[in-house]
Amino acid sequence: MTDVDIFLATLASHFYSVNQADTEMQILRIHSWLTPSIIFFWIVGCYSHTPSFLETRPLSFESEKINEMTLVKSSPEQAEEWWITFQKNRNVWQIVSLSQRPSPLDLLADDIFIRHLLDALKTIKIHAVAPHGPLESFRLNPPLFAIRIKTEKNALDLQVGSLLHQNQKRYISLDGKIVYIASGTGLELLEMIHSIHFLRKKNWSLFIADDVDEMELTYPSQPQKPKLYAQREGDQWTDQRHQVVPRDFNRILNHITQVQADQLIDNSIQADELRKFIHSSSNLDVKLTNRQGKVSHLEIKKRGAFFYGISSDRPLSIFVFNLKTGHSLIE
C-alpha cells in the first residue's frame, strides 16, 4: 500500500471496524469522493493567492505626500490621445512633460483640481471582479485613462476602462491583469478631463481676493472714464480720503481674481505680438496690492471676437477670454 493508501485506510478505520478486505473496499470508496475534493481545493488554492480588494477602497495614500502624477488619455474615437506629467515643488503643481506640441509657455497646473482629484481617487470602491475576458473587451488595452501617482518611495497605478451602461460603475485594473467593477467620485472627475488645457491653471491672477488690500482700475483706451480706486479698511473699502466707496468692490475683486481664460496662447511669436498689442493701449489696466506689498498688474484688450490678457504674475502667458467674459471685466 502507498502512503496515500495508508492515510486513507487510517481515515477509514475511524468510521468502520472491518477486516482487511473491507478496509480495501472502504479505501476505494473514500478515493471516489475525496479525490475530487482534493482537486477542487487545489484549484482554489492556486487562485487564492491574489489579494482580495472586494468592497474596499484600494487607493490608500496621504495626498500631501504625493509629489508626482502622470495621466494618460487614450480615446481615439474622440480624438483624445495625450499624456502629461505633473510634479509638486514647494506645494505648487507644475507641468514637467507632456505630449502637446508646442510645449506650453506657462507650466503652472490647476493645483486646486489636482488636489481635488487626488482626494477623490481615494473614494474609488471595488464592488466585484469582472467576468473573464480579454482586456480589450473592458476598454483596458489600452485603457481609457491610466494614472500613476508617486511619493518619494512608492508608486500606485490605476487603469480605467469602459462604463457599465446600467449604472455609473466602470471597469478598472490595478495591475493590468485583474479587472474589477468599481465606482467613486474619482472616476467621475476623470470623465471631466477632455484635454490637457483642462488641467492647466487658467486664472488670470495668482492673488487670492482675501489677500488683496488695495486695487486700482484704469481704462487707457477710454481716458474719459474715471479711475476706480479702493483700499481695504477692516471689512470696508474706502477711497484715498478714507471715505467708504459706494461700489461693491468685493464683487469686483472676486471676479477679477477668479476669472479663468478660455485658452492660453503657446506660440511664442504670436504671444510676443499680442503682448505688444495689449501694452499699446489696453481696455483695462488693473493693479492689485496684497498685504505683503506685492503688486499684480493685469491688462486686457479686445481684438476681433476675443479679449487678450497679460499678467505680471505669469509673464509668459497670454490669456484668451470670450466676449462675454471680457466685457464683464471692463464694464
Protein backbone atom coordinates (compact mmCIF):
# COMPACT_ATOMS: atom_id res chain seq x y z
CA MET A 1 0.00 0.00 0.00
CA THR A 2 1.20 3.52 -0.79
CA ASP A 3 1.48 6.29 1.78
CA VAL A 4 -1.74 7.78 0.44
CA ASP A 5 -3.48 4.39 0.81
CA ILE A 6 -2.20 4.09 4.39
CA PHE A 7 -3.59 7.57 5.11
CA LEU A 8 -6.94 6.62 3.57
CA ALA A 9 -7.01 3.30 5.44
CA THR A 10 -6.40 5.12 8.71
CA LEU A 11 -9.20 7.51 7.83
CA ALA A 12 -11.48 4.59 7.01
CA SER A 13 -10.72 2.85 10.32
CA HIS A 14 -12.20 5.81 12.16
CA PHE A 15 -15.53 5.13 10.53
CA TYR A 16 -15.52 1.32 10.31
CA SER A 17 -14.28 -1.65 12.24
CA VAL A 18 -13.77 -4.16 9.40
CA ASN A 19 -11.38 -6.80 8.11
CA GLN A 20 -8.63 -6.26 5.51
CA ALA A 21 -10.92 -6.84 2.53
CA ASP A 22 -13.49 -4.43 3.86
CA THR A 23 -10.77 -1.87 4.53
CA GLU A 24 -9.58 -2.05 0.93
CA MET A 25 -13.17 -1.56 -0.23
CA GLN A 26 -13.51 1.50 2.01
CA ILE A 27 -10.27 2.91 0.54
CA LEU A 28 -11.82 2.75 -2.93
CA ARG A 29 -14.98 4.41 -1.68
CA ILE A 30 -13.09 7.25 0.04
CA HIS A 31 -10.96 7.70 -3.08
CA SER A 32 -14.16 8.24 -5.05
CA TRP A 33 -15.29 11.27 -3.02
CA LEU A 34 -12.02 12.56 -1.58
CA THR A 35 -10.04 12.85 -4.84
CA PRO A 36 -12.42 15.38 -6.49
CA SER A 37 -12.43 17.35 -3.25
CA ILE A 38 -8.62 17.47 -3.21
CA ILE A 39 -8.61 18.65 -6.83
CA PHE A 40 -11.20 21.34 -6.03
CA PHE A 41 -9.27 22.73 -3.07
CA TRP A 42 -6.03 22.60 -5.09
CA ILE A 43 -7.64 24.71 -7.82
CA VAL A 44 -9.00 27.20 -5.29
CA GLY A 45 -5.61 27.35 -3.59
CA CYS A 46 -3.89 28.17 -6.87
CA TYR A 47 -6.04 31.27 -7.30
CA SER A 48 -6.45 32.35 -3.70
CA HIS A 49 -3.01 33.99 -3.61
CA THR A 50 -4.44 37.09 -5.34
CA PRO A 51 -5.26 39.70 -2.67
CA SER A 52 -8.96 40.46 -2.44
CA PHE A 53 -10.00 44.09 -2.91
CA LEU A 54 -13.72 43.40 -2.90
CA GLU A 55 -15.73 46.07 -1.07
CA THR A 56 -12.54 48.02 -0.32
CA ARG A 57 -11.03 51.33 -1.41
CA PRO A 58 -7.65 50.13 -2.70
CA LEU A 59 -6.03 53.52 -3.38
CA SER A 60 -4.90 54.43 0.10
CA PHE A 61 -2.32 57.20 0.40
CA GLU A 62 -1.64 60.55 2.06
CA SER A 63 -2.40 63.21 -0.53
CA GLU A 64 0.17 65.66 0.82
CA LYS A 65 2.94 63.10 0.26
CA ILE A 66 2.19 62.70 -3.45
CA ASN A 67 4.82 64.63 -5.41
CA GLU A 68 4.25 63.36 -8.96
CA MET A 69 1.30 62.32 -11.08
CA THR A 70 1.09 61.12 -14.69
CA LEU A 71 -2.16 60.95 -16.65
CA VAL A 72 -2.56 59.17 -19.99
CA LYS A 73 -5.75 59.53 -22.05
CA SER A 74 -6.44 57.16 -24.94
CA SER A 75 -9.73 57.77 -26.71
CA PRO A 76 -9.15 57.67 -30.49
CA GLU A 77 -12.88 57.81 -31.21
CA GLN A 78 -12.98 61.23 -29.51
CA ALA A 79 -9.59 62.30 -30.91
CA GLU A 80 -8.21 62.43 -27.37
CA GLU A 81 -4.81 60.78 -27.11
CA TRP A 82 -2.31 62.52 -24.87
CA TRP A 83 -0.20 62.22 -21.74
CA ILE A 84 1.01 64.69 -19.13
CA THR A 85 3.20 64.53 -16.01
CA PHE A 86 2.98 66.92 -13.06
CA GLN A 87 5.37 67.43 -10.17
CA LYS A 88 4.85 69.31 -6.95
CA ASN A 89 7.51 71.82 -5.95
CA ARG A 90 7.01 73.85 -2.76
CA ASN A 91 3.34 72.89 -2.78
CA VAL A 92 2.89 74.22 -6.34
CA TRP A 93 1.94 71.74 -9.07
CA GLN A 94 3.69 72.25 -12.40
CA ILE A 95 3.81 70.51 -15.77
CA VAL A 96 7.17 68.78 -16.31
CA SER A 97 6.48 66.83 -19.52
CA LEU A 98 3.61 66.28 -21.93
CA SER A 99 2.72 65.13 -25.42
CA GLN A 100 1.45 68.51 -26.61
CA ARG A 101 3.46 70.44 -29.20
CA PRO A 102 4.39 73.22 -28.96
CA SER A 103 5.04 72.92 -25.24
CA PRO A 104 3.21 75.42 -23.01
CA LEU A 105 4.90 78.75 -22.42
CA ASP A 106 3.48 78.70 -18.89
CA LEU A 107 3.79 75.45 -16.91
CA LEU A 108 1.50 76.07 -13.94
CA ALA A 109 -1.09 73.34 -13.39
CA ASP A 110 -4.56 73.64 -11.93
CA ASP A 111 -3.44 72.78 -8.41
CA ILE A 112 -6.95 73.04 -6.97
CA PHE A 113 -8.29 70.41 -9.37
CA ILE A 114 -5.24 68.15 -8.87
CA ARG A 115 -5.65 68.19 -5.10
CA HIS A 116 -9.36 67.52 -5.51
CA LEU A 117 -8.64 64.63 -7.89
CA LEU A 118 -6.11 63.04 -5.52
CA ASP A 119 -8.62 63.12 -2.67
CA ALA A 120 -11.35 61.76 -4.94
CA LEU A 121 -9.23 58.82 -6.14
CA LYS A 122 -9.28 57.50 -2.58
CA THR A 123 -13.08 57.18 -2.77
CA ILE A 124 -12.94 54.59 -5.56
CA LYS A 125 -14.53 51.40 -4.27
CA ILE A 126 -14.32 47.93 -5.81
CA HIS A 127 -17.61 46.02 -5.89
CA ALA A 128 -16.85 42.86 -7.86
CA VAL A 129 -14.42 41.00 -10.06
CA ALA A 130 -15.32 41.44 -13.72
CA PRO A 131 -16.27 38.42 -15.86
CA HIS A 132 -13.39 36.69 -17.63
CA GLY A 133 -12.40 38.24 -20.93
CA PRO A 134 -9.57 39.96 -22.79
CA LEU A 135 -8.56 43.40 -21.55
CA GLU A 136 -9.71 44.88 -24.85
CA SER A 137 -13.30 43.90 -24.07
CA PHE A 138 -13.23 46.14 -20.98
CA ARG A 139 -11.55 49.05 -22.81
CA LEU A 140 -8.38 48.42 -20.80
CA ASN A 141 -5.89 47.68 -23.59
CA PRO A 142 -5.10 50.48 -23.95
CA PRO A 143 -7.06 51.90 -21.01
CA LEU A 144 -9.26 54.93 -21.46
CA PHE A 145 -7.30 56.51 -18.61
CA ALA A 146 -4.07 55.41 -16.97
CA ILE A 147 -2.85 57.13 -13.81
CA ARG A 148 0.36 56.78 -11.86
CA ILE A 149 0.92 58.69 -8.62
CA LYS A 150 4.22 58.72 -6.76
CA THR A 151 5.67 59.57 -3.40
CA GLU A 152 9.40 59.60 -2.73
CA LYS A 153 9.28 55.85 -2.07
CA ASN A 154 6.20 54.31 -3.68
CA ALA A 155 4.03 54.36 -6.79
CA LEU A 156 0.37 53.46 -7.32
CA ASP A 157 -1.22 52.63 -10.67
CA LEU A 158 -4.80 52.74 -11.86
CA GLN A 159 -6.21 51.88 -15.29
CA VAL A 160 -9.77 52.92 -16.08
CA GLY A 161 -11.88 51.28 -18.74
CA SER A 162 -15.40 51.48 -20.12
CA LEU A 163 -18.56 52.46 -18.33
CA LEU A 164 -21.17 49.87 -17.40
CA HIS A 165 -24.31 51.09 -19.13
CA GLN A 166 -26.75 50.04 -16.43
CA ASN A 167 -25.11 52.18 -13.73
CA GLN A 168 -22.24 54.57 -13.03
CA LYS A 169 -19.68 51.85 -12.39
CA ARG A 170 -16.58 51.31 -14.52
CA TYR A 171 -14.12 48.55 -15.22
CA ILE A 172 -10.74 49.22 -13.64
CA SER A 173 -7.46 47.40 -13.09
CA LEU A 174 -4.72 47.99 -10.57
CA ASP A 175 -2.08 45.79 -12.20
CA GLY A 176 -3.12 45.48 -15.84
CA LYS A 177 -4.20 41.87 -15.26
CA ILE A 178 -7.17 41.52 -12.92
CA VAL A 179 -10.28 43.52 -13.88
CA TYR A 180 -12.70 44.86 -11.28
CA ILE A 181 -16.01 46.70 -11.29
CA ALA A 182 -15.74 49.94 -9.30
CA SER A 183 -17.35 53.29 -8.62
CA GLY A 184 -16.40 56.54 -6.93
CA THR A 185 -16.06 60.29 -7.27
CA GLY A 186 -12.55 59.87 -8.64
CA LEU A 187 -13.88 58.06 -11.71
CA GLU A 188 -16.49 60.78 -12.25
CA LEU A 189 -13.83 63.50 -12.09
CA LEU A 190 -11.74 61.72 -14.71
CA GLU A 191 -14.70 61.91 -17.12
CA MET A 192 -14.45 65.71 -16.92
CA ILE A 193 -10.91 65.78 -18.34
CA HIS A 194 -11.20 66.13 -22.10
CA SER A 195 -7.90 67.85 -22.87
CA ILE A 196 -4.57 68.94 -21.46
CA HIS A 197 -5.93 72.51 -21.34
CA PHE A 198 -8.42 71.43 -18.67
CA LEU A 199 -5.51 70.61 -16.35
CA ARG A 200 -3.69 73.92 -16.76
CA LYS A 201 -4.05 76.85 -14.39
CA LYS A 202 -6.24 79.34 -16.18
CA ASN A 203 -6.55 82.04 -13.52
CA TRP A 204 -5.53 85.45 -14.77
CA SER A 205 -4.20 86.49 -11.35
CA LEU A 206 -2.45 84.35 -8.74
CA PHE A 207 -3.72 86.57 -5.93
CA ILE A 208 -6.47 85.41 -3.58
CA ALA A 209 -9.17 88.04 -3.08
CA ASP A 210 -8.88 87.94 0.71
CA ASP A 211 -5.16 88.80 0.49
CA VAL A 212 -5.70 91.97 -1.57
CA ASP A 213 -5.59 95.25 0.39
CA GLU A 214 -5.62 97.74 -2.45
CA MET A 215 -6.85 97.87 -6.04
CA GLU A 216 -6.77 100.38 -8.85
CA LEU A 217 -8.60 100.15 -12.17
CA THR A 218 -7.90 102.44 -15.11
CA TYR A 219 -9.12 102.45 -18.71
CA PRO A 220 -6.28 103.62 -21.03
CA SER A 221 -8.36 103.28 -24.21
CA GLN A 222 -11.13 105.37 -22.60
CA PRO A 223 -9.36 108.31 -20.93
CA GLN A 224 -12.69 109.97 -20.17
CA LYS A 225 -13.71 107.07 -17.94
CA PRO A 226 -12.85 107.76 -14.28
CA LYS A 227 -10.26 105.69 -12.46
CA LEU A 228 -11.51 103.38 -9.75
CA TYR A 229 -9.51 103.08 -6.54
CA ALA A 230 -10.24 101.32 -3.25
CA GLN A 231 -8.30 100.20 -0.20
CA ARG A 232 -9.38 97.72 2.42
CA GLU A 233 -10.06 99.09 5.90
CA GLY A 234 -11.43 96.38 8.13
CA ASP A 235 -14.49 94.93 6.38
CA GLN A 236 -14.99 98.04 4.23
CA TRP A 237 -13.46 99.56 1.11
CA THR A 238 -12.51 103.23 1.20
CA ASP A 239 -11.08 105.77 -1.25
CA GLN A 240 -7.81 107.70 -0.89
CA ARG A 241 -9.54 110.09 1.54
CA HIS A 242 -10.66 107.09 3.62
CA GLN A 243 -14.30 107.61 2.69
CA VAL A 244 -16.37 104.45 2.18
CA VAL A 245 -16.80 103.77 -1.53
CA PRO A 246 -20.35 103.10 -2.77
CA ARG A 247 -19.44 100.37 -5.29
CA ASP A 248 -19.29 96.69 -4.38
CA PHE A 249 -15.52 96.21 -4.61
CA ASN A 250 -15.71 92.73 -3.06
CA ARG A 251 -17.69 91.57 -6.09
CA ILE A 252 -15.31 93.32 -8.49
CA LEU A 253 -12.24 91.86 -6.77
CA ASN A 254 -13.67 88.33 -6.65
CA HIS A 255 -14.48 88.47 -10.35
CA ILE A 256 -11.02 89.75 -11.31
CA THR A 257 -9.12 87.16 -9.26
CA GLN A 258 -11.36 84.18 -10.04
CA VAL A 259 -11.97 84.67 -13.77
CA GLN A 260 -10.45 81.95 -15.94
CA ALA A 261 -9.23 82.08 -19.52
CA ASP A 262 -10.86 80.02 -22.25
CA GLN A 263 -7.47 79.45 -23.83
CA LEU A 264 -3.75 80.15 -23.33
CA ILE A 265 -1.52 81.11 -26.25
CA ASP A 266 1.55 78.84 -26.54
CA ASN A 267 3.03 80.12 -29.79
CA SER A 268 5.90 82.39 -28.71
CA ILE A 269 5.80 84.56 -31.86
CA GLN A 270 2.05 85.12 -31.55
CA ALA A 271 2.42 85.74 -27.82
CA ASP A 272 5.07 88.43 -28.33
CA GLU A 273 2.93 90.21 -30.93
CA LEU A 274 -0.16 90.13 -28.68
CA ARG A 275 1.83 91.38 -25.70
CA LYS A 276 2.90 94.49 -27.65
CA PHE A 277 -0.67 94.96 -28.88
CA ILE A 278 -2.06 94.88 -25.33
CA HIS A 279 0.62 97.22 -23.93
CA SER A 280 -0.10 99.84 -26.61
CA SER A 281 -3.47 100.91 -25.17
CA SER A 282 -5.35 98.36 -23.09
CA ASN A 283 -9.09 98.43 -22.43
CA LEU A 284 -8.48 97.77 -18.75
CA ASP A 285 -5.42 98.10 -16.52
CA VAL A 286 -5.67 96.55 -13.04
CA LYS A 287 -3.18 96.87 -10.20
CA LEU A 288 -3.73 94.73 -7.11
CA THR A 289 -1.56 95.06 -3.99
CA ASN A 290 -1.56 92.31 -1.38
CA ARG A 291 -0.83 92.52 2.35
CA GLN A 292 2.88 91.93 1.76
CA GLY A 293 3.06 94.87 -0.63
CA LYS A 294 3.43 92.75 -3.78
CA VAL A 295 1.72 94.12 -6.89
CA SER A 296 -0.13 92.11 -9.51
CA HIS A 297 -0.51 94.03 -12.77
CA LEU A 298 -3.23 92.84 -15.18
CA GLU A 299 -4.08 94.22 -18.63
CA ILE A 300 -6.71 93.24 -21.16
CA LYS A 301 -7.56 94.38 -24.70
CA LYS A 302 -10.14 93.41 -27.31
CA ARG A 303 -9.24 92.23 -30.81
CA GLY A 304 -11.89 90.77 -33.08
CA ALA A 305 -14.05 88.23 -31.30
CA PHE A 306 -11.80 87.86 -28.24
CA PHE A 307 -10.19 89.72 -25.39
CA TYR A 308 -6.50 89.05 -24.70
CA GLY A 309 -4.95 89.48 -21.28
CA ILE A 310 -1.50 89.56 -19.69
CA SER A 311 -0.44 89.33 -16.06
CA SER A 312 2.74 90.26 -14.21
CA ASP A 313 2.18 87.12 -12.09
CA ARG A 314 2.56 84.94 -15.18
CA PRO A 315 4.55 86.99 -17.70
CA LEU A 316 4.87 84.22 -20.30
CA SER A 317 1.12 83.67 -20.62
CA ILE A 318 -1.36 85.28 -22.98
CA PHE A 319 -4.90 84.69 -21.70
CA VAL A 320 -7.78 84.46 -24.18
CA PHE A 321 -11.27 85.42 -22.97
CA ASN A 322 -14.59 85.23 -24.79
CA LEU A 323 -16.50 88.45 -25.42
CA LYS A 324 -18.92 87.97 -22.54
CA THR A 325 -16.12 87.45 -20.01
CA GLY A 326 -14.06 90.31 -21.44
CA HIS A 327 -16.92 92.80 -21.29
CA SER A 328 -17.76 91.71 -17.74
CA LEU A 329 -14.22 92.71 -16.72
CA ILE A 330 -14.11 96.15 -18.30
CA GLU A 331 -17.66 97.33 -17.55
